[in-house]
Amino acid sequence: MLVSHDEREPIARLLTFLEHGERMAHDCAKAQAGLSDDDGTRKFLLSQAKQEAMHARVFQVAVAWLAPKHLGDEPFLPALEEYRAILDEALARRDLTETFLAEQVVLEGLGEAILTRIEQGLAKRAAPFGRLRRVLLHQEEAHHGFGRRQLERAIERGETDVTDLNQRAQRYLSLTDAMVFTLCDLFDSIDEDATAWAQDVRTFLPDWCVISDQLSADSRQPFSTGCL
């Protein structure tokens, strides 16, 4: 794999961030399975939990190969911990609709966007394990699609509507923006634009989720100054 010496550490740190996200997704899917009374939904969620655990192990191995001396280092991402906290609150309320929005739709959308970007770069470098990378991306797409279908069904049952979901989504989206911009130094190191990566996630979300989510220059400024 044609990764320069200077790129190894920032890429390893980015993969460490993804590993932590996969572990959070595993914990959430397992908890969701315990809350669901539908056999098909529960089966999917238990399968997702196993897949998320596998993804985390894959990223951990990749980090060990890229930058073994940094194995175990945790990126400073308070936004990720805040995301976990409010997701845990929704689980404690047994609010499956909000957890599907937060995990399978928004968080998986972020993961899918980042993995798609990474895959484009790795494919250009003729990186190994192409089939494994495609499996991971396909599974992320499946998790994301499952979440979107769950929300569509909740709307059909009258349990929520697009206005309610849009309002709830904004807090989660602001935190995914914060996660990406906190890592802006890593994107600089590999000649990538953090703002573009933050906006990528919106291309993987339903229109109702982002219709009122246009970042203003003022809202971007606190994050983007660290990337200048």
C-alpha atoms as a PDB file:
ATOM      1  CA  MET A   1       0.000   0.000   0.000  1.00  0.00           C
ATOM      2  CA  LEU A   2       1.474   3.339  -1.065  1.00  0.00           C
ATOM      3  CA  VAL A   3       1.105   5.338   2.140  1.00  0.00           C
ATOM      4  CA  SER A   4       3.854   7.838   2.811  1.00  0.00           C
ATOM      5  CA  HIS A   5       5.630   7.904   6.156  1.00  0.00           C
ATOM      6  CA  ASP A   6       4.074  11.280   7.003  1.00  0.00           C
ATOM      7  CA  GLU A   7       0.567   9.977   6.305  1.00  0.00           C
ATOM      8  CA  ARG A   8       0.726   6.906   8.514  1.00  0.00           C
ATOM      9  CA  GLU A   9       0.036   8.571  11.869  1.00  0.00           C
ATOM     10  CA  PRO A  10      -2.840  10.858  10.751  1.00  0.00           C
ATOM     11  CA  ILE A  11      -4.513   7.979   8.875  1.00  0.00           C
ATOM     12  CA  ALA A  12      -4.069   5.752  11.942  1.00  0.00           C
ATOM     13  CA  ARG A  13      -5.693   8.398  14.148  1.00  0.00           C
ATOM     14  CA  LEU A  14      -8.588   8.739  11.692  1.00  0.00           C
ATOM     15  CA  LEU A  15      -9.085   4.971  11.765  1.00  0.00           C
ATOM     16  CA  THR A  16      -8.960   5.080  15.577  1.00  0.00           C
ATOM     17  CA  PHE A  17     -11.849   7.554  15.466  1.00  0.00           C
ATOM     18  CA  LEU A  18     -13.753   5.141  13.208  1.00  0.00           C
ATOM     19  CA  GLU A  19     -12.974   2.264  15.576  1.00  0.00           C
ATOM     20  CA  HIS A  20     -14.525   4.177  18.480  1.00  0.00           C
ATOM     21  CA  GLY A  21     -17.569   4.961  16.339  1.00  0.00           C
ATOM     22  CA  GLU A  22     -17.969   1.280  15.446  1.00  0.00           C
ATOM     23  CA  ARG A  23     -17.792   0.280  19.113  1.00  0.00           C
ATOM     24  CA  MET A  24     -20.505   2.804  19.939  1.00  0.00           C
ATOM     25  CA  ALA A  25     -22.612   1.459  17.059  1.00  0.00           C
ATOM     26  CA  HIS A  26     -22.122  -2.099  18.372  1.00  0.00           C
ATOM     27  CA  ASP A  27     -23.284  -1.124  21.860  1.00  0.00           C
ATOM     28  CA  CYS A  28     -26.299   0.730  20.487  1.00  0.00           C
ATOM     29  CA  ALA A  29     -27.429  -2.037  18.105  1.00  0.00           C
ATOM     30  CA  LYS A  30     -27.169  -4.596  20.903  1.00  0.00           C
ATOM     31  CA  ALA A  31     -29.253  -2.383  23.210  1.00  0.00           C
ATOM     32  CA  GLN A  32     -31.804  -1.714  20.451  1.00  0.00           C
ATOM     33  CA  ALA A  33     -32.214  -5.467  19.942  1.00  0.00           C
ATOM     34  CA  GLY A  34     -33.112  -5.774  23.609  1.00  0.00           C
ATOM     35  CA  LEU A  35     -35.777  -3.091  23.246  1.00  0.00           C
ATOM     36  CA  SER A  36     -37.400  -4.398  20.066  1.00  0.00           C
ATOM     37  CA  ASP A  37     -40.394  -6.744  20.209  1.00  0.00           C
ATOM     38  CA  ASP A  38     -40.229  -7.556  16.490  1.00  0.00           C
ATOM     39  CA  ASP A  39     -38.349 -10.766  15.660  1.00  0.00           C
ATOM     40  CA  GLY A  40     -37.103  -9.591  12.268  1.00  0.00           C
ATOM     41  CA  THR A  41     -35.879  -6.270  13.626  1.00  0.00           C
ATOM     42  CA  ARG A  42     -34.200  -7.920  16.579  1.00  0.00           C
ATOM     43  CA  LYS A  43     -32.432 -10.427  14.303  1.00  0.00           C
ATOM     44  CA  PHE A  44     -31.108  -7.649  12.065  1.00  0.00           C
ATOM     45  CA  LEU A  45     -29.872  -5.617  15.023  1.00  0.00           C
ATOM     46  CA  LEU A  46     -28.051  -8.564  16.584  1.00  0.00           C
ATOM     47  CA  SER A  47     -26.405  -9.222  13.210  1.00  0.00           C
ATOM     48  CA  GLN A  48     -25.465  -5.549  12.975  1.00  0.00           C
ATOM     49  CA  ALA A  49     -23.914  -5.639  16.446  1.00  0.00           C
ATOM     50  CA  LYS A  50     -21.672  -8.538  15.379  1.00  0.00           C
ATOM     51  CA  GLN A  51     -20.679  -6.741  12.191  1.00  0.00           C
ATOM     52  CA  GLU A  52     -19.859  -3.510  14.054  1.00  0.00           C
ATOM     53  CA  ALA A  53     -17.617  -5.458  16.431  1.00  0.00           C
ATOM     54  CA  MET A  54     -15.830  -6.975  13.423  1.00  0.00           C
ATOM     55  CA  HIS A  55     -15.408  -3.533  11.842  1.00  0.00           C
ATOM     56  CA  ALA A  56     -13.835  -2.232  15.054  1.00  0.00           C
ATOM     57  CA  ARG A  57     -11.352  -5.121  15.056  1.00  0.00           C
ATOM     58  CA  VAL A  58     -10.454  -4.480  11.407  1.00  0.00           C
ATOM     59  CA  PHE A  59      -9.723  -0.821  12.134  1.00  0.00           C
ATOM     60  CA  GLN A  60      -7.715  -1.785  15.208  1.00  0.00           C
ATOM     61  CA  VAL A  61      -5.539  -4.125  13.124  1.00  0.00           C
ATOM     62  CA  ALA A  62      -5.078  -1.433  10.476  1.00  0.00           C
ATOM     63  CA  VAL A  63      -3.974   1.056  13.137  1.00  0.00           C
ATOM     64  CA  ALA A  64      -1.485  -1.461  14.514  1.00  0.00           C
ATOM     65  CA  TRP A  65      -0.013  -1.889  11.039  1.00  0.00           C
ATOM     66  CA  LEU A  66       0.107   1.819  10.198  1.00  0.00           C
ATOM     67  CA  ALA A  67       1.378   3.230  13.484  1.00  0.00           C
ATOM     68  CA  PRO A  68       1.956   0.560  16.160  1.00  0.00           C
ATOM     69  CA  LYS A  69       3.460   3.010  18.652  1.00  0.00           C
ATOM     70  CA  HIS A  70       0.162   4.919  18.656  1.00  0.00           C
ATOM     71  CA  LEU A  71      -1.987   1.831  19.237  1.00  0.00           C
ATOM     72  CA  GLY A  72      -4.407   2.602  22.040  1.00  0.00           C
ATOM     73  CA  ASP A  73      -4.126   6.372  21.637  1.00  0.00           C
ATOM     74  CA  GLU A  74      -7.553   7.998  21.767  1.00  0.00           C
ATOM     75  CA  PRO A  75      -8.370  11.107  19.750  1.00  0.00           C
ATOM     76  CA  PHE A  76      -9.626  14.023  21.811  1.00  0.00           C
ATOM     77  CA  LEU A  77     -13.245  14.001  20.708  1.00  0.00           C
ATOM     78  CA  PRO A  78     -15.595  15.334  23.381  1.00  0.00           C
ATOM     79  CA  ALA A  79     -18.311  15.552  20.708  1.00  0.00           C
ATOM     80  CA  LEU A  80     -18.191  11.773  20.272  1.00  0.00           C
ATOM     81  CA  GLU A  81     -18.671  11.273  24.000  1.00  0.00           C
ATOM     82  CA  GLU A  82     -21.542  13.788  24.057  1.00  0.00           C
ATOM     83  CA  TYR A  83     -23.114  11.935  21.138  1.00  0.00           C
ATOM     84  CA  ARG A  84     -22.838   8.685  23.083  1.00  0.00           C
ATOM     85  CA  ALA A  85     -24.389  10.328  26.164  1.00  0.00           C
ATOM     86  CA  ILE A  86     -27.507  11.638  24.414  1.00  0.00           C
ATOM     87  CA  LEU A  87     -27.861   8.374  22.485  1.00  0.00           C
ATOM     88  CA  ASP A  88     -27.723   6.503  25.804  1.00  0.00           C
ATOM     89  CA  GLU A  89     -30.435   8.836  27.126  1.00  0.00           C
ATOM     90  CA  ALA A  90     -32.679   7.898  24.188  1.00  0.00           C
ATOM     91  CA  LEU A  91     -32.025   4.204  24.870  1.00  0.00           C
ATOM     92  CA  ALA A  92     -32.873   4.702  28.548  1.00  0.00           C
ATOM     93  CA  ARG A  93     -36.191   6.280  27.472  1.00  0.00           C
ATOM     94  CA  ARG A  94     -36.745   3.249  25.212  1.00  0.00           C
ATOM     95  CA  ASP A  95     -37.174   5.689  22.329  1.00  0.00           C
ATOM     96  CA  LEU A  96     -36.286   3.372  19.439  1.00  0.00           C
ATOM     97  CA  THR A  97     -37.295   5.951  16.840  1.00  0.00           C
ATOM     98  CA  GLU A  98     -34.723   8.459  18.067  1.00  0.00           C
ATOM     99  CA  THR A  99     -32.042   5.796  18.405  1.00  0.00           C
ATOM    100  CA  PHE A 100     -32.615   4.698  14.783  1.00  0.00           C
ATOM    101  CA  LEU A 101     -32.282   8.348  13.754  1.00  0.00           C
ATOM    102  CA  ALA A 102     -29.122   8.891  15.791  1.00  0.00           C
ATOM    103  CA  GLU A 103     -27.317   5.623  15.106  1.00  0.00           C
ATOM    104  CA  GLN A 104     -28.446   3.963  11.889  1.00  0.00           C
ATOM    105  CA  VAL A 105     -29.242   7.173   9.989  1.00  0.00           C
ATOM    106  CA  VAL A 106     -26.924   9.982  11.161  1.00  0.00           C
ATOM    107  CA  LEU A 107     -23.963   8.090  12.642  1.00  0.00           C
ATOM    108  CA  GLU A 108     -23.975   5.376   9.968  1.00  0.00           C
ATOM    109  CA  GLY A 109     -24.334   8.144   7.371  1.00  0.00           C
ATOM    110  CA  LEU A 110     -21.157   9.725   8.722  1.00  0.00           C
ATOM    111  CA  GLY A 111     -19.377   6.378   8.713  1.00  0.00           C
ATOM    112  CA  GLU A 112     -20.535   5.611   5.192  1.00  0.00           C
ATOM    113  CA  ALA A 113     -19.386   9.023   3.965  1.00  0.00           C
ATOM    114  CA  ILE A 114     -15.935   8.668   5.541  1.00  0.00           C
ATOM    115  CA  LEU A 115     -15.468   5.068   4.379  1.00  0.00           C
ATOM    116  CA  THR A 116     -16.492   6.057   0.847  1.00  0.00           C
ATOM    117  CA  ARG A 117     -13.860   8.812   0.851  1.00  0.00           C
ATOM    118  CA  ILE A 118     -11.219   6.486   2.267  1.00  0.00           C
ATOM    119  CA  GLU A 119     -12.092   3.759  -0.249  1.00  0.00           C
ATOM    120  CA  GLN A 120     -11.609   6.192  -3.128  1.00  0.00           C
ATOM    121  CA  GLY A 121      -8.110   6.985  -1.891  1.00  0.00           C
ATOM    122  CA  LEU A 122      -7.180   3.365  -1.220  1.00  0.00           C
ATOM    123  CA  ALA A 123      -8.437   2.213  -4.616  1.00  0.00           C
ATOM    124  CA  LYS A 124      -6.213   4.791  -6.325  1.00  0.00           C
ATOM    125  CA  ARG A 125      -3.256   3.430  -4.361  1.00  0.00           C
ATOM    126  CA  ALA A 126      -4.081  -0.167  -5.366  1.00  0.00           C
ATOM    127  CA  ALA A 127      -4.310  -1.015  -1.663  1.00  0.00           C
ATOM    128  CA  PRO A 128      -4.747  -4.652  -0.617  1.00  0.00           C
ATOM    129  CA  PHE A 129      -7.861  -6.238   0.938  1.00  0.00           C
ATOM    130  CA  GLY A 130     -10.186  -4.646  -1.588  1.00  0.00           C
ATOM    131  CA  ARG A 131     -12.853  -7.305  -1.081  1.00  0.00           C
ATOM    132  CA  LEU A 132     -12.823  -6.823   2.711  1.00  0.00           C
ATOM    133  CA  ARG A 133     -13.086  -3.051   2.307  1.00  0.00           C
ATOM    134  CA  ARG A 134     -16.069  -3.471  -0.003  1.00  0.00           C
ATOM    135  CA  VAL A 135     -17.759  -5.825   2.489  1.00  0.00           C
ATOM    136  CA  LEU A 136     -17.390  -3.233   5.270  1.00  0.00           C
ATOM    137  CA  LEU A 137     -18.816  -0.482   3.091  1.00  0.00           C
ATOM    138  CA  HIS A 138     -21.700  -2.695   1.927  1.00  0.00           C
ATOM    139  CA  GLN A 139     -22.584  -3.516   5.543  1.00  0.00           C
ATOM    140  CA  GLU A 140     -22.532   0.164   6.514  1.00  0.00           C
ATOM    141  CA  GLU A 141     -24.903   0.862   3.619  1.00  0.00           C
ATOM    142  CA  ALA A 142     -27.205  -1.939   4.822  1.00  0.00           C
ATOM    143  CA  HIS A 143     -27.283  -0.578   8.386  1.00  0.00           C
ATOM    144  CA  HIS A 144     -28.034   2.910   7.091  1.00  0.00           C
ATOM    145  CA  GLY A 145     -30.801   1.654   4.790  1.00  0.00           C
ATOM    146  CA  PHE A 146     -32.345  -0.321   7.643  1.00  0.00           C
ATOM    147  CA  GLY A 147     -32.505   2.813   9.797  1.00  0.00           C
ATOM    148  CA  ARG A 148     -34.142   4.842   7.065  1.00  0.00           C
ATOM    149  CA  ARG A 149     -36.785   2.147   6.546  1.00  0.00           C
ATOM    150  CA  GLN A 150     -37.482   2.029  10.285  1.00  0.00           C
ATOM    151  CA  LEU A 151     -38.136   5.774  10.322  1.00  0.00           C
ATOM    152  CA  GLU A 152     -40.349   5.564   7.237  1.00  0.00           C
ATOM    153  CA  ARG A 153     -42.441   2.920   8.989  1.00  0.00           C
ATOM    154  CA  ALA A 154     -42.630   5.035  12.162  1.00  0.00           C
ATOM    155  CA  ILE A 155     -43.961   7.913  10.054  1.00  0.00           C
ATOM    156  CA  GLU A 156     -46.519   5.619   8.412  1.00  0.00           C
ATOM    157  CA  ARG A 157     -47.677   4.456  11.864  1.00  0.00           C
ATOM    158  CA  GLY A 158     -48.115   8.064  12.967  1.00  0.00           C
ATOM    159  CA  GLU A 159     -45.455   7.772  15.694  1.00  0.00           C
ATOM    160  CA  THR A 160     -43.477  10.717  14.313  1.00  0.00           C
ATOM    161  CA  ASP A 161     -43.323  13.017  11.280  1.00  0.00           C
ATOM    162  CA  VAL A 162     -40.647  14.689   9.189  1.00  0.00           C
ATOM    163  CA  THR A 163     -40.818  17.951  11.171  1.00  0.00           C
ATOM    164  CA  ASP A 164     -40.217  16.129  14.449  1.00  0.00           C
ATOM    165  CA  LEU A 165     -37.386  14.048  12.989  1.00  0.00           C
ATOM    166  CA  ASN A 166     -35.768  17.083  11.391  1.00  0.00           C
ATOM    167  CA  GLN A 167     -35.768  18.930  14.704  1.00  0.00           C
ATOM    168  CA  ARG A 168     -34.292  15.970  16.560  1.00  0.00           C
ATOM    169  CA  ALA A 169     -31.640  15.435  13.887  1.00  0.00           C
ATOM    170  CA  GLN A 170     -30.090  18.891  14.243  1.00  0.00           C
ATOM    171  CA  ARG A 171     -28.418  18.189  17.592  1.00  0.00           C
ATOM    172  CA  TYR A 172     -26.863  15.002  16.280  1.00  0.00           C
ATOM    173  CA  LEU A 173     -25.731  16.656  13.047  1.00  0.00           C
ATOM    174  CA  SER A 174     -24.060  19.484  14.945  1.00  0.00           C
ATOM    175  CA  LEU A 175     -22.086  16.899  16.893  1.00  0.00           C
ATOM    176  CA  THR A 176     -20.992  15.010  13.766  1.00  0.00           C
ATOM    177  CA  ASP A 177     -19.761  18.337  12.382  1.00  0.00           C
ATOM    178  CA  ALA A 178     -17.840  18.918  15.600  1.00  0.00           C
ATOM    179  CA  MET A 179     -16.283  15.444  15.392  1.00  0.00           C
ATOM    180  CA  VAL A 180     -14.991  16.056  11.875  1.00  0.00           C
ATOM    181  CA  PHE A 181     -13.712  19.558  12.574  1.00  0.00           C
ATOM    182  CA  THR A 182     -11.951  18.422  15.750  1.00  0.00           C
ATOM    183  CA  LEU A 183      -9.952  16.140  13.445  1.00  0.00           C
ATOM    184  CA  CYS A 184      -9.195  18.950  10.994  1.00  0.00           C
ATOM    185  CA  ASP A 185      -5.430  18.751  11.622  1.00  0.00           C
ATOM    186  CA  LEU A 186      -5.524  15.152  10.413  1.00  0.00           C
ATOM    187  CA  PHE A 187      -7.269  16.172   7.218  1.00  0.00           C
ATOM    188  CA  ASP A 188      -4.693  18.894   6.654  1.00  0.00           C
ATOM    189  CA  SER A 189      -1.951  16.276   7.044  1.00  0.00           C
ATOM    190  CA  ILE A 190      -3.375  14.176   4.217  1.00  0.00           C
ATOM    191  CA  ASP A 191      -4.346  17.176   2.042  1.00  0.00           C
ATOM    192  CA  GLU A 192      -8.092  16.822   2.613  1.00  0.00           C
ATOM    193  CA  ASP A 193     -10.706  19.500   3.323  1.00  0.00           C
ATOM    194  CA  ALA A 194     -12.469  18.923   6.656  1.00  0.00           C
ATOM    195  CA  THR A 195     -15.422  21.086   5.591  1.00  0.00           C
ATOM    196  CA  ALA A 196     -15.972  18.917   2.517  1.00  0.00           C
ATOM    197  CA  TRP A 197     -15.876  15.783   4.661  1.00  0.00           C
ATOM    198  CA  ALA A 198     -18.395  17.277   7.099  1.00  0.00           C
ATOM    199  CA  GLN A 199     -20.752  18.101   4.250  1.00  0.00           C
ATOM    200  CA  ASP A 200     -20.340  14.629   2.729  1.00  0.00           C
ATOM    201  CA  VAL A 201     -22.505  13.082   5.427  1.00  0.00           C
ATOM    202  CA  ARG A 202     -25.491  15.126   4.249  1.00  0.00           C
ATOM    203  CA  THR A 203     -25.423  13.404   0.867  1.00  0.00           C
ATOM    204  CA  PHE A 204     -26.213  10.143   2.693  1.00  0.00           C
ATOM    205  CA  LEU A 205     -29.168  11.525   4.666  1.00  0.00           C
ATOM    206  CA  PRO A 206     -32.879  11.873   3.812  1.00  0.00           C
ATOM    207  CA  ASP A 207     -33.885  15.294   2.467  1.00  0.00           C
ATOM    208  CA  TRP A 208     -36.116  15.933   5.493  1.00  0.00           C
ATOM    209  CA  CYS A 209     -33.094  15.475   7.756  1.00  0.00           C
ATOM    210  CA  VAL A 210     -31.017  18.293   6.273  1.00  0.00           C
ATOM    211  CA  ILE A 211     -33.593  20.662   4.796  1.00  0.00           C
ATOM    212  CA  SER A 212     -32.998  23.255   7.550  1.00  0.00           C
ATOM    213  CA  ASP A 213     -29.408  22.246   8.190  1.00  0.00           C
ATOM    214  CA  GLN A 214     -27.444  24.791   6.175  1.00  0.00           C
ATOM    215  CA  LEU A 215     -24.297  25.743   8.058  1.00  0.00           C
ATOM    216  CA  SER A 216     -23.815  29.476   8.172  1.00  0.00           C
ATOM    217  CA  ALA A 217     -20.410  31.121   8.032  1.00  0.00           C
ATOM    218  CA  ASP A 218     -20.763  32.040  11.693  1.00  0.00           C
ATOM    219  CA  SER A 219     -21.504  28.471  12.768  1.00  0.00           C
ATOM    220  CA  ARG A 220     -18.512  27.159  10.828  1.00  0.00           C
ATOM    221  CA  GLN A 221     -16.019  29.723  12.083  1.00  0.00           C
ATOM    222  CA  PRO A 222     -15.285  28.269  15.566  1.00  0.00           C
ATOM    223  CA  PHE A 223     -14.361  24.933  14.008  1.00  0.00           C
ATOM    224  CA  SER A 224     -12.630  26.044  10.825  1.00  0.00           C
ATOM    225  CA  THR A 225     -10.183  28.433  12.468  1.00  0.00           C
ATOM    226  CA  GLY A 226      -8.161  25.476  13.712  1.00  0.00           C
ATOM    227  CA  CYS A 227      -7.647  24.314  10.121  1.00  0.00           C
ATOM    228  CA  LEU A 228      -6.216  27.567   8.783  1.00  0.00           C
END
